[in-house]
Amino acid sequence: MQSKYFSYVYTVIRDKDMKTPIKEEILLQLEKPINDLTARIIESEKAIYLKKMGRELNVTPWMEEMIRLSLVIDLMKALQNYILPTDELVDMNWYGGAKGIEISAGIERDGVRYHFLTEAITAGGYNIQRFHYRYIVKSKMPRVNGGLATEYQNKYKTLSKIEKLETEIENYQTRINEYQQRIDELAPMSKEELIVELGNHKMLGWRVKNDYKWENIDKTYYKGTKEEWEAEQRKLVEDGVTEMLNWDVNRPKRYIKDFEKKIVKLQAKIETLK
């Protein structure tokens, strides 16, 4: 039984008087298989990421477009060695399968008709951005330098910058959420509840959990009274609560404001790149 991922299409190219650039015409004909391959790569990488990291891979619109563009670039880098931007696409068959998009097409240049075939080879990488295909072109056409991939390579570079900025924003937002969650946890607590929370604090819990008792104090060194010692212990705890609130509330509030400003600046950079 034929896999749902395999399709075979024969395309008759539109009237040549429309003068659609050949690279755009090819991509128009291949829109469906390119989109299908993009979706398959994303689903595959999400499954791998979940298994490896134990959490969902956040696929942003920019990442999805980068994957699609990478497929376009892989194809155009192969075709540009044989096809010029001024060539005309006469007819084309495409076959979308497990190895990528394979093409059989007729090209016309200066009144001469040529034919070429492509074979796709998986050339995966260690992550979603590195995964790609290699295309082998079989044709008697003279080799040229058509520059078909340049436009898409430049778009990819721009999207790569956007993706990095989006990742920075996501990291800042994650930290903001973590800080805010802790602030919200402490906000409604009473004094007694804060003391209990202090006892659970990784850095400051010793202020509550110390095992010192008046009976065990070496009176040779400590000259104060029992009441003075107990007052010191209470102050130790009270100061601990104050320090915990500074550590987990006041400082994070400043960090949140700083991160929010940085996010605004990063978003502005992204807008300039769109």
Protein backbone atom coordinates (compact mmCIF):
# COMPACT_ATOMS: atom_id res chain seq x y z
CA MET A 1 0.00 0.00 0.00
CA GLN A 2 1.29 3.43 -0.90
CA SER A 3 2.22 5.66 2.06
CA LYS A 4 0.18 8.78 2.64
CA TYR A 5 3.45 10.72 2.42
CA PHE A 6 4.01 9.74 -1.22
CA SER A 7 2.38 11.62 -4.06
CA TYR A 8 2.98 11.86 -7.76
CA VAL A 9 1.84 14.80 -9.83
CA TYR A 10 2.20 15.79 -13.42
CA THR A 11 2.01 19.53 -13.89
CA VAL A 12 1.45 21.42 -17.10
CA ILE A 13 3.03 24.84 -16.70
CA ARG A 14 0.90 27.90 -17.22
CA ASP A 15 1.03 30.08 -20.30
CA LYS A 16 4.62 31.25 -20.76
CA ASP A 17 3.37 34.75 -21.62
CA MET A 18 2.76 35.20 -17.88
CA LYS A 19 6.58 35.34 -17.51
CA THR A 20 6.67 33.99 -13.96
CA PRO A 21 10.33 33.67 -12.85
CA ILE A 22 11.36 30.03 -13.08
CA LYS A 23 12.31 29.65 -9.42
CA GLU A 24 8.92 31.01 -8.35
CA GLU A 25 7.17 28.72 -10.84
CA ILE A 26 9.02 25.68 -9.46
CA LEU A 27 8.18 26.60 -5.88
CA LEU A 28 4.55 27.21 -6.78
CA GLN A 29 4.32 23.71 -8.22
CA LEU A 30 6.12 22.27 -5.16
CA GLU A 31 4.19 24.17 -2.49
CA LYS A 32 2.31 21.11 -1.24
CA PRO A 33 5.24 18.67 -0.97
CA ILE A 34 7.44 21.32 0.66
CA ASN A 35 4.75 22.07 3.24
CA ASP A 36 4.21 18.33 3.82
CA LEU A 37 7.94 17.74 4.33
CA THR A 38 8.12 20.70 6.70
CA ALA A 39 5.31 19.26 8.81
CA ARG A 40 6.94 15.82 8.84
CA ILE A 41 10.31 17.18 9.95
CA ILE A 42 8.66 19.18 12.73
CA GLU A 43 6.69 16.18 14.02
CA SER A 44 9.77 13.96 13.88
CA GLU A 45 11.94 16.47 15.73
CA LYS A 46 9.24 17.13 18.33
CA ALA A 47 9.11 13.40 19.10
CA ILE A 48 12.92 13.19 19.33
CA TYR A 49 13.09 16.29 21.54
CA LEU A 50 10.36 14.99 23.87
CA LYS A 51 12.15 11.67 24.25
CA LYS A 52 15.55 13.30 24.83
CA MET A 53 14.56 16.31 26.96
CA GLY A 54 11.32 15.11 28.54
CA ARG A 55 9.39 18.20 27.45
CA GLU A 56 7.68 19.59 24.37
CA LEU A 57 9.72 21.38 21.71
CA ASN A 58 8.42 24.91 21.25
CA VAL A 59 8.22 25.32 17.47
CA THR A 60 7.80 29.03 16.76
CA PRO A 61 6.46 30.40 13.44
CA TRP A 62 10.00 31.59 12.70
CA MET A 63 11.43 28.11 13.26
CA GLU A 64 8.77 26.56 11.03
CA GLU A 65 9.55 29.04 8.26
CA MET A 66 13.28 28.37 8.66
CA ILE A 67 12.67 24.66 8.13
CA ARG A 68 10.60 25.38 5.04
CA LEU A 69 13.25 27.74 3.70
CA SER A 70 15.99 25.21 4.36
CA LEU A 71 14.15 22.74 2.12
CA VAL A 72 13.85 25.41 -0.57
CA ILE A 73 17.54 26.31 -0.26
CA ASP A 74 18.63 22.68 -0.50
CA LEU A 75 16.70 22.32 -3.74
CA MET A 76 17.69 25.66 -5.26
CA LYS A 77 21.39 25.13 -4.49
CA ALA A 78 21.26 22.02 -6.64
CA LEU A 79 19.16 23.53 -9.43
CA GLN A 80 21.18 26.74 -9.71
CA ASN A 81 24.09 24.76 -11.15
CA TYR A 82 21.98 24.06 -14.23
CA ILE A 83 19.16 26.59 -14.38
CA LEU A 84 19.35 30.30 -15.16
CA PRO A 85 16.73 32.78 -13.89
CA THR A 86 15.81 33.49 -17.55
CA ASP A 87 15.06 29.83 -18.37
CA GLU A 88 11.48 28.76 -18.92
CA LEU A 89 9.86 25.77 -17.24
CA VAL A 90 7.97 23.75 -19.85
CA ASP A 91 6.69 20.82 -17.82
CA MET A 92 7.42 19.15 -14.53
CA ASN A 93 6.70 15.98 -12.58
CA TRP A 94 7.36 15.79 -8.87
CA TYR A 95 7.42 12.91 -6.48
CA GLY A 96 7.29 13.62 -2.75
CA GLY A 97 8.52 10.73 -0.68
CA ALA A 98 10.62 9.70 2.28
CA LYS A 99 13.81 10.91 0.60
CA GLY A 100 12.53 14.39 -0.16
CA ILE A 101 11.20 15.92 -3.36
CA GLU A 102 12.31 14.34 -6.61
CA ILE A 103 11.70 16.20 -9.86
CA SER A 104 11.63 15.48 -13.56
CA ALA A 105 11.28 18.63 -15.65
CA GLY A 106 11.67 20.19 -19.05
CA ILE A 107 13.52 23.48 -19.44
CA GLU A 108 13.74 25.77 -22.44
CA ARG A 109 16.68 28.13 -22.99
CA ASP A 110 17.29 30.15 -26.16
CA GLY A 111 14.92 27.93 -28.08
CA VAL A 112 16.62 24.72 -26.97
CA ARG A 113 14.78 22.27 -24.73
CA TYR A 114 16.59 20.38 -21.98
CA HIS A 115 15.56 17.82 -19.43
CA PHE A 116 16.75 17.18 -15.89
CA LEU A 117 16.11 14.79 -13.02
CA THR A 118 16.80 15.26 -9.32
CA GLU A 119 17.35 12.59 -6.68
CA ALA A 120 17.06 13.47 -3.00
CA ILE A 121 19.36 12.17 -0.27
CA THR A 122 18.68 12.65 3.44
CA ALA A 123 21.56 14.52 5.09
CA GLY A 124 20.30 14.88 8.64
CA GLY A 125 21.91 16.67 11.55
CA TYR A 126 21.77 16.74 15.30
CA ASN A 127 18.92 19.20 15.57
CA ILE A 128 15.95 20.60 13.73
CA GLN A 129 17.89 23.44 12.11
CA ARG A 130 20.66 21.14 10.83
CA PHE A 131 18.38 18.58 9.17
CA HIS A 132 18.47 18.93 5.39
CA TYR A 133 18.39 17.16 2.03
CA ARG A 134 21.00 16.88 -0.68
CA TYR A 135 19.84 16.82 -4.28
CA ILE A 136 21.71 15.15 -7.11
CA VAL A 137 20.81 16.59 -10.52
CA LYS A 138 21.10 14.46 -13.63
CA SER A 139 21.06 16.44 -16.86
CA LYS A 140 22.96 17.09 -20.07
CA MET A 141 22.45 20.81 -19.58
CA PRO A 142 25.64 22.88 -19.39
CA ARG A 143 26.60 23.83 -15.82
CA VAL A 144 25.94 27.45 -14.94
CA ASN A 145 25.86 29.72 -11.89
CA GLY A 146 22.21 30.68 -11.74
CA GLY A 147 22.15 32.12 -8.22
CA LEU A 148 18.66 30.72 -7.57
CA ALA A 149 19.32 30.08 -3.88
CA THR A 150 20.67 33.52 -2.94
CA GLU A 151 17.32 35.17 -2.21
CA TYR A 152 16.24 32.33 0.07
CA GLN A 153 19.61 32.11 1.81
CA ASN A 154 19.32 35.80 2.70
CA LYS A 155 15.80 35.26 4.03
CA TYR A 156 17.06 32.33 6.09
CA LYS A 157 19.82 34.46 7.64
CA THR A 158 17.24 37.07 8.60
CA LEU A 159 14.95 34.46 10.13
CA SER A 160 17.90 32.93 11.96
CA LYS A 161 18.51 36.30 13.61
CA ILE A 162 14.82 36.60 14.46
CA GLU A 163 14.78 33.07 15.91
CA LYS A 164 17.74 33.89 18.17
CA LEU A 165 16.00 37.04 19.37
CA GLU A 166 12.77 35.11 19.96
CA THR A 167 14.74 32.56 21.99
CA GLU A 168 16.18 35.37 24.12
CA ILE A 169 12.69 36.73 24.68
CA GLU A 170 11.42 33.28 25.62
CA ASN A 171 14.25 32.82 28.12
CA TYR A 172 13.57 36.19 29.73
CA GLN A 173 9.84 35.44 29.88
CA THR A 174 10.50 32.07 31.50
CA ARG A 175 12.57 33.72 34.20
CA ILE A 176 9.92 36.40 34.70
CA ASN A 177 7.27 33.72 35.16
CA GLU A 178 9.43 31.84 37.66
CA TYR A 179 10.14 34.98 39.67
CA GLN A 180 6.48 36.05 39.59
CA GLN A 181 5.31 32.62 40.71
CA ARG A 182 7.54 32.83 43.77
CA ILE A 183 6.42 36.39 44.53
CA ASP A 184 2.77 35.29 44.30
CA GLU A 185 3.43 32.37 46.64
CA LEU A 186 4.89 34.58 49.38
CA ALA A 187 2.55 37.57 49.01
CA PRO A 188 -0.47 36.22 50.98
CA MET A 189 1.54 34.54 53.75
CA SER A 190 1.22 35.62 57.39
CA LYS A 191 4.26 36.15 59.64
CA GLU A 192 3.93 32.64 61.04
CA GLU A 193 3.62 31.14 57.56
CA LEU A 194 6.68 33.08 56.40
CA ILE A 195 8.69 31.61 59.28
CA VAL A 196 7.63 28.11 58.22
CA GLU A 197 8.60 28.96 54.63
CA LEU A 198 11.94 30.28 55.85
CA GLY A 199 12.60 26.88 57.38
CA ASN A 200 12.18 25.33 53.92
CA HIS A 201 14.44 27.85 52.20
CA LYS A 202 17.54 26.28 50.65
CA MET A 203 19.83 29.17 51.52
CA LEU A 204 18.30 30.54 54.72
CA GLY A 205 16.57 27.59 56.35
CA TRP A 206 19.38 27.20 58.89
CA ARG A 207 18.02 30.25 60.74
CA VAL A 208 14.98 28.23 61.76
CA LYS A 209 16.39 24.73 61.83
CA ASN A 210 19.34 25.34 64.12
CA ASP A 211 19.41 22.91 67.07
CA TYR A 212 20.80 25.33 69.62
CA LYS A 213 19.07 25.20 72.98
CA TRP A 214 19.72 27.33 76.04
CA GLU A 215 20.71 24.29 78.03
CA ASN A 216 23.46 23.47 75.53
CA ILE A 217 24.99 26.93 75.41
CA ASP A 218 28.51 27.19 76.81
CA LYS A 219 28.03 29.82 79.51
CA THR A 220 31.79 30.32 79.62
CA TYR A 221 31.57 32.19 76.34
CA TYR A 222 27.99 33.46 76.37
CA LYS A 223 27.50 35.95 79.20
CA GLY A 224 23.92 36.99 78.47
CA THR A 225 20.73 35.84 80.14
CA LYS A 226 18.32 33.22 78.83
CA GLU A 227 15.87 35.98 77.90
CA GLU A 228 18.57 37.80 75.91
CA TRP A 229 19.54 34.61 74.13
CA GLU A 230 15.91 33.85 73.19
CA ALA A 231 15.50 37.41 71.92
CA GLU A 232 18.57 36.92 69.75
CA GLN A 233 17.11 33.72 68.33
CA ARG A 234 13.83 35.48 67.51
CA LYS A 235 15.74 38.28 65.80
CA LEU A 236 17.74 35.70 63.87
CA VAL A 237 14.48 34.33 62.50
CA GLU A 238 12.95 37.78 61.86
CA ASP A 239 16.06 38.90 60.01
CA GLY A 240 15.88 35.66 58.05
CA VAL A 241 12.33 36.43 56.94
CA THR A 242 13.42 39.92 55.88
CA GLU A 243 16.37 38.48 53.97
CA MET A 244 14.13 35.87 52.31
CA LEU A 245 11.71 38.57 51.15
CA ASN A 246 14.61 40.62 49.78
CA TRP A 247 16.02 37.53 48.10
CA ASP A 248 12.77 36.12 46.69
CA VAL A 249 10.58 39.20 46.24
CA ASN A 250 12.33 42.57 46.16
CA ARG A 251 15.30 41.61 44.00
CA PRO A 252 13.18 39.56 41.56
CA LYS A 253 10.82 42.53 41.14
CA ARG A 254 13.80 44.60 39.99
CA TYR A 255 14.90 41.79 37.70
CA ILE A 256 11.41 41.54 36.21
CA LYS A 257 11.38 45.24 35.35
CA ASP A 258 14.81 44.92 33.77
CA PHE A 259 13.82 41.84 31.77
CA GLU A 260 10.62 43.49 30.56
CA LYS A 261 12.65 46.42 29.22
CA LYS A 262 15.02 44.02 27.47
CA ILE A 263 12.07 42.17 25.91
CA VAL A 264 10.70 45.42 24.49
CA LYS A 265 14.10 46.19 22.93
CA LEU A 266 14.36 42.68 21.46
CA GLN A 267 10.85 42.94 20.03
CA ALA A 268 11.81 46.24 18.41
CA LYS A 269 14.84 44.55 16.82
CA ILE A 270 12.60 41.81 15.47
CA GLU A 271 10.28 44.38 13.87
CA THR A 272 13.21 45.93 12.02
CA LEU A 273 14.13 42.53 10.60
CA LYS A 274 10.66 41.58 9.33
